[in-house]
Amino acid sequence: MGFFNSVPEDEDEVARPSWRGPDDTVMGAILPLNLVLGANEGAAVALREIIVHPEGGMLDIYAVARRADASARQWKAIRSSMNSGCERAEYTNAAKRSLRLGVLFRDGSRATTVDCPVDLRFSDDDEEPRPPILGLWRHAEDLSTDEHEYVSMRYWLWLWPLPPSEPFKLIVEWPAAGLEESAVEIDGAAVSELTAYTRNYWR
């Protein structure tokens, strides 16, 4: 018996269920969009692209805000609302004024970030939710100036399952920044067609 034989072997890693994110072994296909979902004098939200996977799509969202004539209190609330995205509305008052996004399909089914787990990667919920879902995968903050007069946040949102091959709506609202509800139409067929261009890294 060797010295290190007593070290336990790693347990086999359990595959991530598709509702919690894309397969790490698959390279998604990119659908460039550069769509402004909503904007006012102090804030804007845009969809840069959708990274299409066989089981769903990763939405690359940018939210930007500038202080302009906002008071110190208002500016703090706007910045805080960017970090409280994807918290369930009943959990915190901040979440009720946070940036939120949703999808609406022609059959009436819908999903919103308000209803999603806080972070799909770290969710300990093993029960598969009722589809569709739109959940936070990860986010990154970029403070673009030393004075913090301008701030941006990038979100990657996982849409599961893959949307149907027909137009659907992507809806945004950002109460803290005064951004009223607005919607853009996404071509679901263009999303679905890109599944043919996804590739496994090793096959």
N, C-alpha and C. Protein backbone atom coordinates (compact mmCIF):
# COMPACT_ATOMS: atom_id res chain seq x y z
N MET A 1 0.85 -1.20 0.00
CA MET A 1 0.00 0.00 0.00
C MET A 1 0.88 1.25 0.00
N GLY A 2 0.71 2.09 -1.00
CA GLY A 2 1.51 3.30 -1.11
C GLY A 2 1.04 4.38 -0.14
N PHE A 3 1.89 5.37 0.03
CA PHE A 3 1.61 6.45 0.99
C PHE A 3 0.33 7.21 0.64
N PHE A 4 0.10 7.43 -0.68
CA PHE A 4 -1.03 8.25 -1.10
C PHE A 4 -2.28 7.45 -1.40
N ASN A 5 -2.23 6.14 -1.21
CA ASN A 5 -3.39 5.32 -1.51
C ASN A 5 -4.58 5.64 -0.62
N SER A 6 -4.32 6.26 0.54
CA SER A 6 -5.41 6.58 1.46
C SER A 6 -6.18 7.84 1.06
N VAL A 7 -5.62 8.59 0.07
CA VAL A 7 -6.32 9.79 -0.39
C VAL A 7 -7.52 9.38 -1.22
N PRO A 8 -8.73 9.80 -0.84
CA PRO A 8 -9.92 9.37 -1.59
C PRO A 8 -9.91 9.90 -3.01
N GLU A 9 -10.42 9.08 -3.92
CA GLU A 9 -10.51 9.50 -5.31
C GLU A 9 -11.66 10.48 -5.48
N ASP A 10 -11.50 11.36 -6.48
CA ASP A 10 -12.57 12.31 -6.76
C ASP A 10 -13.82 11.57 -7.21
N GLU A 11 -14.96 12.07 -6.77
CA GLU A 11 -16.21 11.50 -7.23
C GLU A 11 -16.45 11.93 -8.67
N ASP A 12 -17.15 11.07 -9.42
CA ASP A 12 -17.47 11.41 -10.79
C ASP A 12 -18.33 12.67 -10.81
N GLU A 13 -17.95 13.60 -11.69
CA GLU A 13 -18.69 14.86 -11.79
C GLU A 13 -20.03 14.63 -12.47
N VAL A 14 -21.08 15.15 -11.86
CA VAL A 14 -22.41 15.00 -12.42
C VAL A 14 -22.62 16.07 -13.49
N ALA A 15 -23.13 15.64 -14.64
CA ALA A 15 -23.35 16.59 -15.74
C ALA A 15 -24.37 17.64 -15.34
N ARG A 16 -24.13 18.88 -15.75
CA ARG A 16 -25.06 19.97 -15.45
C ARG A 16 -26.35 19.77 -16.25
N PRO A 17 -27.50 19.84 -15.62
CA PRO A 17 -28.75 19.74 -16.38
C PRO A 17 -28.88 20.92 -17.32
N SER A 18 -29.49 20.71 -18.47
CA SER A 18 -29.51 21.74 -19.52
C SER A 18 -30.25 23.00 -19.08
N TRP A 19 -31.17 22.91 -18.13
CA TRP A 19 -31.90 24.11 -17.71
C TRP A 19 -31.01 25.05 -16.91
N ARG A 20 -29.88 24.54 -16.41
CA ARG A 20 -28.99 25.38 -15.61
C ARG A 20 -27.84 25.97 -16.42
N GLY A 21 -27.80 25.70 -17.73
CA GLY A 21 -26.75 26.31 -18.54
C GLY A 21 -26.29 25.41 -19.66
N PRO A 22 -25.45 25.94 -20.55
CA PRO A 22 -25.01 25.20 -21.72
C PRO A 22 -23.99 24.12 -21.37
N ASP A 23 -23.85 23.18 -22.27
CA ASP A 23 -22.84 22.13 -22.15
C ASP A 23 -21.46 22.77 -22.37
N ASP A 24 -20.56 22.61 -21.40
CA ASP A 24 -19.24 23.23 -21.49
C ASP A 24 -18.39 22.67 -22.61
N THR A 25 -18.75 21.50 -23.13
CA THR A 25 -17.95 20.88 -24.19
C THR A 25 -18.39 21.33 -25.58
N VAL A 26 -19.40 22.18 -25.64
CA VAL A 26 -19.95 22.60 -26.94
C VAL A 26 -19.68 24.08 -27.18
N MET A 27 -19.20 24.38 -28.37
CA MET A 27 -18.99 25.76 -28.80
C MET A 27 -20.27 26.27 -29.46
N GLY A 28 -20.86 27.29 -28.87
CA GLY A 28 -22.10 27.83 -29.41
C GLY A 28 -21.86 28.63 -30.69
N ALA A 29 -22.95 28.85 -31.42
CA ALA A 29 -22.91 29.66 -32.64
C ALA A 29 -23.48 31.03 -32.32
N ILE A 30 -22.85 32.08 -32.84
CA ILE A 30 -23.20 33.45 -32.45
C ILE A 30 -24.16 34.09 -33.46
N LEU A 31 -25.24 34.65 -32.92
CA LEU A 31 -26.16 35.46 -33.70
C LEU A 31 -25.98 36.92 -33.28
N PRO A 32 -25.26 37.74 -34.08
CA PRO A 32 -25.05 39.14 -33.71
C PRO A 32 -26.33 39.95 -33.92
N LEU A 33 -26.66 40.81 -32.98
CA LEU A 33 -27.91 41.57 -33.06
C LEU A 33 -27.72 43.07 -32.83
N ASN A 34 -27.01 43.46 -31.77
CA ASN A 34 -26.81 44.88 -31.44
C ASN A 34 -28.13 45.66 -31.42
N LEU A 35 -29.07 45.17 -30.62
CA LEU A 35 -30.38 45.79 -30.50
C LEU A 35 -30.48 46.58 -29.20
N VAL A 36 -30.93 47.81 -29.29
CA VAL A 36 -31.24 48.58 -28.08
C VAL A 36 -32.65 48.18 -27.65
N LEU A 37 -32.75 47.61 -26.47
CA LEU A 37 -34.04 47.13 -25.97
C LEU A 37 -34.87 48.27 -25.38
N GLY A 38 -34.19 49.23 -24.80
CA GLY A 38 -34.86 50.38 -24.21
C GLY A 38 -33.83 51.42 -23.81
N ALA A 39 -34.21 52.70 -23.86
CA ALA A 39 -33.26 53.76 -23.52
C ALA A 39 -34.01 55.03 -23.13
N ASN A 40 -33.39 55.79 -22.24
CA ASN A 40 -33.84 57.15 -21.94
C ASN A 40 -32.60 58.02 -21.78
N GLU A 41 -32.74 59.22 -21.23
CA GLU A 41 -31.60 60.13 -21.14
C GLU A 41 -30.49 59.61 -20.24
N GLY A 42 -30.84 58.78 -19.27
CA GLY A 42 -29.83 58.35 -18.31
C GLY A 42 -29.46 56.89 -18.34
N ALA A 43 -30.19 56.07 -19.10
CA ALA A 43 -29.94 54.63 -19.06
C ALA A 43 -30.31 53.97 -20.38
N ALA A 44 -29.69 52.84 -20.63
CA ALA A 44 -30.00 52.07 -21.83
C ALA A 44 -29.68 50.60 -21.57
N VAL A 45 -30.42 49.74 -22.24
CA VAL A 45 -30.20 48.29 -22.16
C VAL A 45 -30.17 47.76 -23.58
N ALA A 46 -29.18 46.93 -23.88
CA ALA A 46 -29.01 46.43 -25.24
C ALA A 46 -28.73 44.93 -25.23
N LEU A 47 -29.13 44.29 -26.31
CA LEU A 47 -28.81 42.88 -26.55
C LEU A 47 -27.74 42.84 -27.62
N ARG A 48 -26.52 42.44 -27.23
CA ARG A 48 -25.43 42.40 -28.18
C ARG A 48 -25.54 41.20 -29.12
N GLU A 49 -25.78 40.03 -28.54
CA GLU A 49 -25.80 38.81 -29.35
C GLU A 49 -26.48 37.70 -28.57
N ILE A 50 -26.82 36.65 -29.30
CA ILE A 50 -27.28 35.41 -28.67
C ILE A 50 -26.31 34.31 -29.06
N ILE A 51 -25.75 33.63 -28.07
CA ILE A 51 -24.88 32.49 -28.33
C ILE A 51 -25.77 31.26 -28.28
N VAL A 52 -25.97 30.65 -29.43
CA VAL A 52 -26.93 29.56 -29.58
C VAL A 52 -26.28 28.22 -29.27
N HIS A 53 -26.94 27.45 -28.43
CA HIS A 53 -26.54 26.08 -28.11
C HIS A 53 -27.69 25.15 -28.47
N PRO A 54 -27.43 23.86 -28.61
CA PRO A 54 -28.51 22.94 -28.97
C PRO A 54 -29.68 22.96 -28.00
N GLU A 55 -29.40 23.21 -26.72
CA GLU A 55 -30.45 23.12 -25.72
C GLU A 55 -30.98 24.48 -25.25
N GLY A 56 -30.41 25.59 -25.74
CA GLY A 56 -30.87 26.90 -25.30
C GLY A 56 -30.01 28.01 -25.88
N GLY A 57 -30.25 29.22 -25.43
CA GLY A 57 -29.49 30.36 -25.93
C GLY A 57 -28.99 31.24 -24.80
N MET A 58 -27.76 31.74 -24.94
CA MET A 58 -27.17 32.65 -23.96
C MET A 58 -27.30 34.08 -24.48
N LEU A 59 -28.07 34.90 -23.80
CA LEU A 59 -28.29 36.28 -24.21
C LEU A 59 -27.22 37.18 -23.57
N ASP A 60 -26.52 37.93 -24.40
CA ASP A 60 -25.45 38.83 -23.95
C ASP A 60 -26.04 40.23 -23.84
N ILE A 61 -26.31 40.64 -22.61
CA ILE A 61 -27.02 41.89 -22.33
C ILE A 61 -26.08 42.93 -21.74
N TYR A 62 -26.18 44.17 -22.23
CA TYR A 62 -25.45 45.30 -21.65
C TYR A 62 -26.45 46.29 -21.06
N ALA A 63 -26.20 46.70 -19.83
CA ALA A 63 -26.98 47.78 -19.21
C ALA A 63 -26.01 48.91 -18.87
N VAL A 64 -26.33 50.12 -19.29
CA VAL A 64 -25.45 51.26 -19.05
C VAL A 64 -26.26 52.39 -18.43
N ALA A 65 -25.61 53.16 -17.57
CA ALA A 65 -26.28 54.31 -16.95
C ALA A 65 -25.27 55.43 -16.77
N ARG A 66 -25.74 56.66 -16.89
CA ARG A 66 -24.91 57.83 -16.63
C ARG A 66 -25.64 58.70 -15.62
N ARG A 67 -24.85 59.35 -14.79
CA ARG A 67 -25.46 60.08 -13.68
C ARG A 67 -26.30 61.26 -14.13
N ALA A 68 -25.79 62.01 -15.10
CA ALA A 68 -26.49 63.20 -15.60
C ALA A 68 -26.89 64.09 -14.42
N ASP A 69 -28.19 64.38 -14.27
CA ASP A 69 -28.62 65.28 -13.19
C ASP A 69 -29.21 64.52 -12.00
N ALA A 70 -28.92 63.23 -11.90
CA ALA A 70 -29.45 62.44 -10.78
C ALA A 70 -28.80 62.87 -9.47
N SER A 71 -29.57 62.90 -8.41
CA SER A 71 -29.03 63.22 -7.09
C SER A 71 -28.16 62.06 -6.62
N ALA A 72 -27.39 62.31 -5.56
CA ALA A 72 -26.53 61.25 -5.03
C ALA A 72 -27.36 60.04 -4.61
N ARG A 73 -28.52 60.28 -4.04
CA ARG A 73 -29.39 59.19 -3.61
C ARG A 73 -29.94 58.42 -4.80
N GLN A 74 -30.38 59.16 -5.81
CA GLN A 74 -30.91 58.51 -7.01
C GLN A 74 -29.83 57.69 -7.71
N TRP A 75 -28.63 58.26 -7.80
CA TRP A 75 -27.53 57.57 -8.48
C TRP A 75 -27.16 56.29 -7.75
N LYS A 76 -27.14 56.35 -6.44
CA LYS A 76 -26.85 55.15 -5.65
C LYS A 76 -27.91 54.08 -5.88
N ALA A 77 -29.16 54.50 -5.97
CA ALA A 77 -30.26 53.56 -6.19
C ALA A 77 -30.14 52.90 -7.56
N ILE A 78 -29.75 53.69 -8.56
CA ILE A 78 -29.59 53.14 -9.91
C ILE A 78 -28.49 52.10 -9.93
N ARG A 79 -27.35 52.45 -9.34
CA ARG A 79 -26.23 51.51 -9.32
C ARG A 79 -26.56 50.25 -8.54
N SER A 80 -27.24 50.41 -7.42
CA SER A 80 -27.62 49.25 -6.62
C SER A 80 -28.59 48.36 -7.39
N SER A 81 -29.46 48.98 -8.17
CA SER A 81 -30.46 48.20 -8.91
C SER A 81 -29.81 47.34 -9.98
N MET A 82 -28.62 47.72 -10.44
CA MET A 82 -27.92 46.90 -11.43
C MET A 82 -27.38 45.63 -10.79
N ASN A 83 -27.03 45.71 -9.53
CA ASN A 83 -26.49 44.54 -8.83
C ASN A 83 -27.57 43.65 -8.26
N SER A 84 -28.79 44.17 -8.15
CA SER A 84 -29.87 43.37 -7.58
C SER A 84 -30.71 42.70 -8.64
N GLY A 85 -30.24 42.74 -9.89
CA GLY A 85 -30.97 42.07 -10.95
C GLY A 85 -31.09 40.58 -10.70
N CYS A 86 -32.19 40.01 -11.11
CA CYS A 86 -32.46 38.58 -10.99
C CYS A 86 -32.71 38.12 -9.56
N GLU A 87 -32.94 39.06 -8.66
CA GLU A 87 -33.44 38.65 -7.35
C GLU A 87 -34.96 38.59 -7.43
N ARG A 88 -35.53 37.61 -6.80
CA ARG A 88 -36.97 37.51 -6.84
C ARG A 88 -37.59 38.73 -6.15
N ALA A 89 -38.65 39.24 -6.73
CA ALA A 89 -39.21 40.51 -6.27
C ALA A 89 -39.64 40.46 -4.81
N GLU A 90 -40.07 39.29 -4.33
CA GLU A 90 -40.55 39.24 -2.95
C GLU A 90 -39.40 39.21 -1.96
N TYR A 91 -38.16 39.03 -2.44
CA TYR A 91 -37.02 38.91 -1.52
C TYR A 91 -36.56 40.26 -0.99
N THR A 92 -36.46 41.26 -1.84
CA THR A 92 -35.93 42.55 -1.40
C THR A 92 -36.69 43.68 -2.07
N ASN A 93 -36.71 44.83 -1.39
CA ASN A 93 -37.31 46.01 -1.99
C ASN A 93 -36.50 46.48 -3.18
N ALA A 94 -35.17 46.30 -3.11
CA ALA A 94 -34.31 46.72 -4.23
C ALA A 94 -34.67 45.97 -5.49
N ALA A 95 -35.02 44.69 -5.36
CA ALA A 95 -35.35 43.89 -6.53
C ALA A 95 -36.58 44.43 -7.25
N LYS A 96 -37.47 45.10 -6.51
CA LYS A 96 -38.68 45.62 -7.13
C LYS A 96 -38.37 46.80 -8.05
N ARG A 97 -37.20 47.41 -7.90
CA ARG A 97 -36.81 48.51 -8.77
C ARG A 97 -35.64 48.15 -9.67
N SER A 98 -35.28 46.88 -9.66
CA SER A 98 -34.10 46.45 -10.40
C SER A 98 -34.38 46.31 -11.89
N LEU A 99 -33.31 46.20 -12.63
CA LEU A 99 -33.41 45.86 -14.04
C LEU A 99 -33.99 44.46 -14.15
N ARG A 100 -35.01 44.32 -14.99
CA ARG A 100 -35.57 42.99 -15.21
C ARG A 100 -35.87 42.80 -16.69
N LEU A 101 -35.71 41.55 -17.11
CA LEU A 101 -35.96 41.20 -18.50
C LEU A 101 -36.87 39.98 -18.56
N GLY A 102 -37.53 39.82 -19.69
CA GLY A 102 -38.41 38.67 -19.86
C GLY A 102 -38.60 38.34 -21.32
N VAL A 103 -39.08 37.14 -21.57
CA VAL A 103 -39.41 36.71 -22.93
C VAL A 103 -40.88 36.31 -22.95
N LEU A 104 -41.52 36.58 -24.09
CA LEU A 104 -42.92 36.22 -24.29
C LEU A 104 -43.04 35.55 -25.64
N PHE A 105 -43.57 34.33 -25.63
CA PHE A 105 -43.73 33.56 -26.86
C PHE A 105 -45.17 33.65 -27.36
N ARG A 106 -45.37 33.28 -28.60
CA ARG A 106 -46.68 33.43 -29.23
C ARG A 106 -47.76 32.59 -28.57
N ASP A 107 -47.36 31.47 -27.97
CA ASP A 107 -48.35 30.62 -27.31
C ASP A 107 -48.74 31.13 -25.93
N GLY A 108 -48.17 32.28 -25.54
CA GLY A 108 -48.49 32.87 -24.26
C GLY A 108 -47.53 32.50 -23.14
N SER A 109 -46.66 31.54 -23.37
CA SER A 109 -45.68 31.17 -22.34
C SER A 109 -44.66 32.29 -22.19
N ARG A 110 -44.13 32.42 -20.98
CA ARG A 110 -43.22 33.52 -20.69
C ARG A 110 -42.23 33.11 -19.61
N ALA A 111 -41.15 33.87 -19.53
CA ALA A 111 -40.15 33.68 -18.47
C ALA A 111 -39.54 35.03 -18.17
N THR A 112 -39.20 35.27 -16.89
CA THR A 112 -38.59 36.53 -16.50
C THR A 112 -37.42 36.30 -15.57
N THR A 113 -36.53 37.27 -15.52
CA THR A 113 -35.41 37.19 -14.58
C THR A 113 -35.88 37.37 -13.15
N VAL A 114 -37.05 37.93 -12.96
CA VAL A 114 -37.59 38.10 -11.60
C VAL A 114 -37.89 36.74 -10.97
N ASP A 115 -38.23 35.77 -11.81
CA ASP A 115 -38.62 34.44 -11.32
C ASP A 115 -37.47 33.45 -11.30
N CYS A 116 -36.29 33.88 -11.76
CA CYS A 116 -35.19 32.93 -11.92
C CYS A 116 -34.42 32.73 -10.63
N PRO A 117 -33.66 31.62 -10.53
CA PRO A 117 -32.70 31.52 -9.43
C PRO A 117 -31.70 32.67 -9.53
N VAL A 118 -31.11 33.06 -8.41
CA VAL A 118 -30.20 34.20 -8.40
C VAL A 118 -29.04 33.98 -9.36
N ASP A 119 -28.50 32.80 -9.41
CA ASP A 119 -27.40 32.48 -10.32
C ASP A 119 -27.49 31.00 -10.66
N LEU A 120 -27.78 30.70 -11.91
CA LEU A 120 -28.01 29.31 -12.31
C LEU A 120 -26.81 28.43 -12.06
N ARG A 121 -25.61 28.99 -12.15
CA ARG A 121 -24.41 28.16 -11.98
C ARG A 121 -24.31 27.62 -10.56
N PHE A 122 -24.81 28.38 -9.60
CA PHE A 122 -24.64 28.00 -8.20
C PHE A 122 -25.95 27.61 -7.53
N SER A 123 -26.99 27.45 -8.32
CA SER A 123 -28.26 27.04 -7.75
C SER A 123 -28.15 25.63 -7.19
N ASP A 124 -28.72 25.41 -6.02
CA ASP A 124 -28.72 24.07 -5.43
C ASP A 124 -30.06 23.37 -5.63
N ASP A 125 -30.86 23.93 -6.51
CA ASP A 125 -32.17 23.34 -6.81
C ASP A 125 -31.99 22.25 -7.86
N ASP A 126 -32.26 21.00 -7.49
CA ASP A 126 -32.08 19.88 -8.41
C ASP A 126 -33.34 19.58 -9.21
N GLU A 127 -34.44 20.18 -8.81
CA GLU A 127 -35.70 19.90 -9.50
C GLU A 127 -35.81 20.76 -10.75
N GLU A 128 -36.06 20.10 -11.88
CA GLU A 128 -36.16 20.83 -13.14
C GLU A 128 -37.39 21.73 -13.12
N PRO A 129 -37.22 23.02 -13.40
CA PRO A 129 -38.37 23.93 -13.37
C PRO A 129 -39.23 23.76 -14.61
N ARG A 130 -40.40 24.32 -14.52
CA ARG A 130 -41.29 24.30 -15.68
C ARG A 130 -40.75 25.28 -16.72
N PRO A 131 -40.54 24.82 -17.95
CA PRO A 131 -40.02 25.73 -18.98
C PRO A 131 -41.10 26.69 -19.46
N PRO A 132 -40.68 27.82 -20.03
CA PRO A 132 -39.29 28.25 -20.23
C PRO A 132 -38.75 28.96 -18.99
N ILE A 133 -37.42 29.12 -18.94
CA ILE A 133 -36.80 29.93 -17.91
C ILE A 133 -35.81 30.90 -18.56
N LEU A 134 -35.64 32.04 -17.93
CA LEU A 134 -34.63 33.03 -18.33
C LEU A 134 -33.86 33.36 -17.06
N GLY A 135 -32.65 32.83 -16.94
CA GLY A 135 -31.92 32.94 -15.68
C GLY A 135 -30.55 33.55 -15.83
N LEU A 136 -30.10 34.19 -14.77
CA LEU A 136 -28.77 34.79 -14.75
C LEU A 136 -27.71 33.70 -14.74
N TRP A 137 -26.78 33.79 -15.69
CA TRP A 137 -25.66 32.85 -15.75
C TRP A 137 -24.45 33.47 -15.06
N ARG A 138 -24.12 34.68 -15.43
CA ARG A 138 -23.08 35.44 -14.72
C ARG A 138 -23.18 36.90 -15.13
N HIS A 139 -22.45 37.75 -14.41
CA HIS A 139 -22.45 39.16 -14.77
C HIS A 139 -21.12 39.77 -14.39
N ALA A 140 -20.82 40.91 -14.99
CA ALA A 140 -19.56 41.61 -14.74
C ALA A 140 -19.82 43.11 -14.77
N GLU A 141 -19.26 43.82 -13.80
CA GLU A 141 -19.45 45.27 -13.71
C GLU A 141 -18.21 45.99 -14.24
N ASP A 142 -18.44 47.07 -14.93
CA ASP A 142 -17.35 47.89 -15.47
C ASP A 142 -17.58 49.33 -15.04
N LEU A 143 -16.78 49.81 -14.10
CA LEU A 143 -16.85 51.21 -13.70
C LEU A 143 -15.97 52.01 -14.65
N SER A 144 -16.59 52.71 -15.56
CA SER A 144 -15.85 53.29 -16.67
C SER A 144 -15.12 54.58 -16.34
N THR A 145 -15.45 55.23 -15.23
CA THR A 145 -14.74 56.44 -14.84
C THR A 145 -14.41 56.38 -13.36
N ASP A 146 -13.34 57.08 -12.97
CA ASP A 146 -12.95 57.09 -11.57
C ASP A 146 -14.04 57.71 -10.69
N GLU A 147 -14.76 58.66 -11.22
CA GLU A 147 -15.79 59.34 -10.43
C GLU A 147 -17.09 58.54 -10.42
N HIS A 148 -17.14 57.47 -11.18
CA HIS A 148 -18.33 56.63 -11.26
C HIS A 148 -19.54 57.41 -11.77
N GLU A 149 -19.29 58.33 -12.70
CA GLU A 149 -20.39 59.08 -13.30
C GLU A 149 -21.06 58.26 -14.40
N TYR A 150 -20.45 57.18 -14.74
CA TYR A 150 -20.96 56.29 -15.79
C TYR A 150 -20.68 54.87 -15.33
N VAL A 151 -21.64 53.99 -15.48
CA VAL A 151 -21.45 52.61 -15.05
C VAL A 151 -22.12 51.68 -16.04
N SER A 152 -21.53 50.54 -16.25
CA SER A 152 -22.14 49.54 -17.13
C SER A 152 -22.07 48.18 -16.47
N MET A 153 -23.01 47.35 -16.85
CA MET A 153 -23.05 45.99 -16.34
C MET A 153 -23.37 45.07 -17.51
N ARG A 154 -22.65 43.97 -17.55
CA ARG A 154 -22.88 42.99 -18.60
C ARG A 154 -23.46 41.73 -17.96
N TYR A 155 -24.55 41.26 -18.52
CA TYR A 155 -25.22 40.07 -18.01
C TYR A 155 -25.26 39.00 -19.10
N TRP A 156 -25.04 37.78 -18.68
CA TRP A 156 -25.27 36.64 -19.57
C TRP A 156 -26.48 35.90 -19.02
N LEU A 157 -27.55 35.86 -19.80
CA LEU A 157 -28.80 35.24 -19.37
C LEU A 157 -29.05 33.97 -20.18
N TRP A 158 -29.36 32.90 -19.48
CA TRP A 158 -29.59 31.62 -20.13
C TRP A 158 -31.09 31.44 -20.37
N LEU A 159 -31.45 31.28 -21.65
CA LEU A 159 -32.83 31.02 -22.05
C LEU A 159 -32.97 29.54 -22.38
N TRP A 160 -33.81 28.87 -21.64
CA TRP A 160 -34.00 27.43 -21.82
C TRP A 160 -35.49 27.13 -21.83
N PRO A 161 -35.92 26.24 -22.75
CA PRO A 161 -35.14 25.62 -23.82
C PRO A 161 -34.97 26.59 -24.99
N LEU A 162 -34.44 26.07 -26.10
CA LEU A 162 -34.28 26.90 -27.30
C LEU A 162 -35.66 27.42 -27.72
N PRO A 163 -35.76 28.69 -28.07
CA PRO A 163 -37.07 29.24 -28.45
C PRO A 163 -37.60 28.60 -29.73
N PRO A 164 -38.91 28.60 -29.91
CA PRO A 164 -39.49 28.05 -31.14
C PRO A 164 -39.07 28.86 -32.36
N SER A 165 -39.22 28.26 -33.52
CA SER A 165 -38.79 28.90 -34.77
C SER A 165 -39.83 29.90 -35.26
N GLU A 166 -40.10 30.88 -34.45
CA GLU A 166 -41.05 31.93 -34.78
C GLU A 166 -40.69 33.16 -33.95
N PRO A 167 -41.17 34.33 -34.35
CA PRO A 167 -40.81 35.53 -33.59
C PRO A 167 -41.27 35.45 -32.14
N PHE A 168 -40.46 36.01 -31.25
CA PHE A 168 -40.84 36.13 -29.85
C PHE A 168 -40.37 37.49 -29.34
N LYS A 169 -40.91 37.92 -28.23
CA LYS A 169 -40.58 39.24 -27.69
C LYS A 169 -39.60 39.14 -26.53
N LEU A 170 -38.65 40.07 -26.53
CA LEU A 170 -37.75 40.26 -25.40
C LEU A 170 -38.12 41.59 -24.77
N ILE A 171 -38.46 41.56 -23.50
CA ILE A 171 -39.03 42.72 -22.82
C ILE A 171 -38.10 43.18 -21.70
N VAL A 172 -37.96 44.49 -21.55
CA VAL A 172 -37.09 45.04 -20.51
C VAL A 172 -37.83 46.13 -19.74
N GLU A 173 -37.50 46.26 -18.47
CA GLU A 173 -37.99 47.34 -17.63
C GLU A 173 -36.95 47.60 -16.55
N TRP A 174 -36.74 48.88 -16.23
CA TRP A 174 -35.73 49.23 -15.23
C TRP A 174 -36.27 50.39 -14.40
N PRO A 175 -37.12 50.11 -13.42
CA PRO A 175 -37.78 51.17 -12.66
C PRO A 175 -36.83 52.16 -12.00
N ALA A 176 -35.76 51.70 -11.40
CA ALA A 176 -34.84 52.60 -10.69
C ALA A 176 -34.23 53.64 -11.62
N ALA A 177 -34.06 53.28 -12.89
CA ALA A 177 -33.47 54.20 -13.86
C ALA A 177 -34.52 54.92 -14.69
N GLY A 178 -35.80 54.75 -14.32
CA GLY A 178 -36.87 55.42 -15.05
C GLY A 178 -37.12 54.85 -16.43
N LEU A 179 -36.65 53.64 -16.68
CA LEU A 179 -36.83 53.02 -17.99
C LEU A 179 -38.11 52.21 -17.99
N GLU A 180 -39.09 52.69 -18.75
CA GLU A 180 -40.38 52.02 -18.78
C GLU A 180 -40.32 50.75 -19.62
N GLU A 181 -41.32 49.92 -19.42
CA GLU A 181 -41.36 48.64 -20.13
C GLU A 181 -41.37 48.84 -21.64
N SER A 182 -40.51 48.11 -22.32
CA SER A 182 -40.46 48.15 -23.78
C SER A 182 -40.08 46.78 -24.29
N ALA A 183 -40.34 46.53 -25.55
CA ALA A 183 -40.11 45.19 -26.11
C ALA A 183 -39.55 45.28 -27.52
N VAL A 184 -38.76 44.30 -27.88
CA VAL A 184 -38.30 44.14 -29.25
C VAL A 184 -38.62 42.71 -29.68
N GLU A 185 -38.75 42.53 -30.97
CA GLU A 185 -39.06 41.20 -31.50
C GLU A 185 -37.79 40.52 -31.98
N ILE A 186 -37.63 39.27 -31.60
CA ILE A 186 -36.47 38.47 -31.98
C ILE A 186 -36.93 37.37 -32.94
N ASP A 187 -36.16 37.12 -33.96
CA ASP A 187 -36.48 36.09 -34.95
C ASP A 187 -36.08 34.72 -34.40
N GLY A 188 -37.04 33.98 -33.90
CA GLY A 188 -36.75 32.67 -33.34
C GLY A 188 -36.22 31.69 -34.37
N ALA A 189 -36.64 31.84 -35.63
CA ALA A 189 -36.15 30.95 -36.68
C ALA A 189 -34.66 31.13 -36.89
N ALA A 190 -34.19 32.39 -36.85
CA ALA A 190 -32.76 32.66 -37.02
C ALA A 190 -31.96 32.05 -35.88
N VAL A 191 -32.54 32.04 -34.68
CA VAL A 191 -31.88 31.42 -33.54
C VAL A 191 -31.78 29.92 -33.74
N SER A 192 -32.90 29.29 -34.08
CA SER A 192 -32.94 27.84 -34.23
C SER A 192 -32.02 27.34 -35.33
N GLU A 193 -31.94 28.09 -36.42
CA GLU A 193 -31.11 27.65 -37.55
C GLU A 193 -29.64 27.54 -37.18
N LEU A 194 -29.20 28.32 -36.21
CA LEU A 194 -27.78 28.31 -35.85
C LEU A 194 -27.37 27.08 -35.07
N THR A 195 -28.32 26.28 -34.62
CA THR A 195 -27.93 25.05 -33.91
C THR A 195 -27.11 24.13 -34.82
N ALA A 196 -27.31 24.26 -36.13
CA ALA A 196 -26.55 23.43 -37.08
C ALA A 196 -25.07 23.79 -37.08
N TYR A 197 -24.72 24.95 -36.53
CA TYR A 197 -23.33 25.40 -36.55
C TYR A 197 -22.64 25.27 -35.19
N THR A 198 -23.33 24.70 -34.22
CA THR A 198 -22.68 24.44 -32.94
C THR A 198 -21.72 23.26 -33.10
N ARG A 199 -20.66 23.26 -32.31
CA ARG A 199 -19.64 22.22 -32.46
C ARG A 199 -19.16 21.75 -31.09
N ASN A 200 -18.96 20.45 -30.97
CA ASN A 200 -18.29 19.91 -29.79
C ASN A 200 -16.80 20.13 -29.96
N TYR A 201 -16.12 20.58 -28.93
CA TYR A 201 -14.70 20.89 -29.04
C TYR A 201 -13.86 19.66 -29.37
N TRP A 202 -14.28 18.48 -28.99
CA TRP A 202 -13.44 17.30 -29.14
C TRP A 202 -14.01 16.26 -30.10
N ARG A 203 -15.10 16.59 -30.77
CA ARG A 203 -15.64 15.63 -31.73
C ARG A 203 -15.93 16.33 -33.05
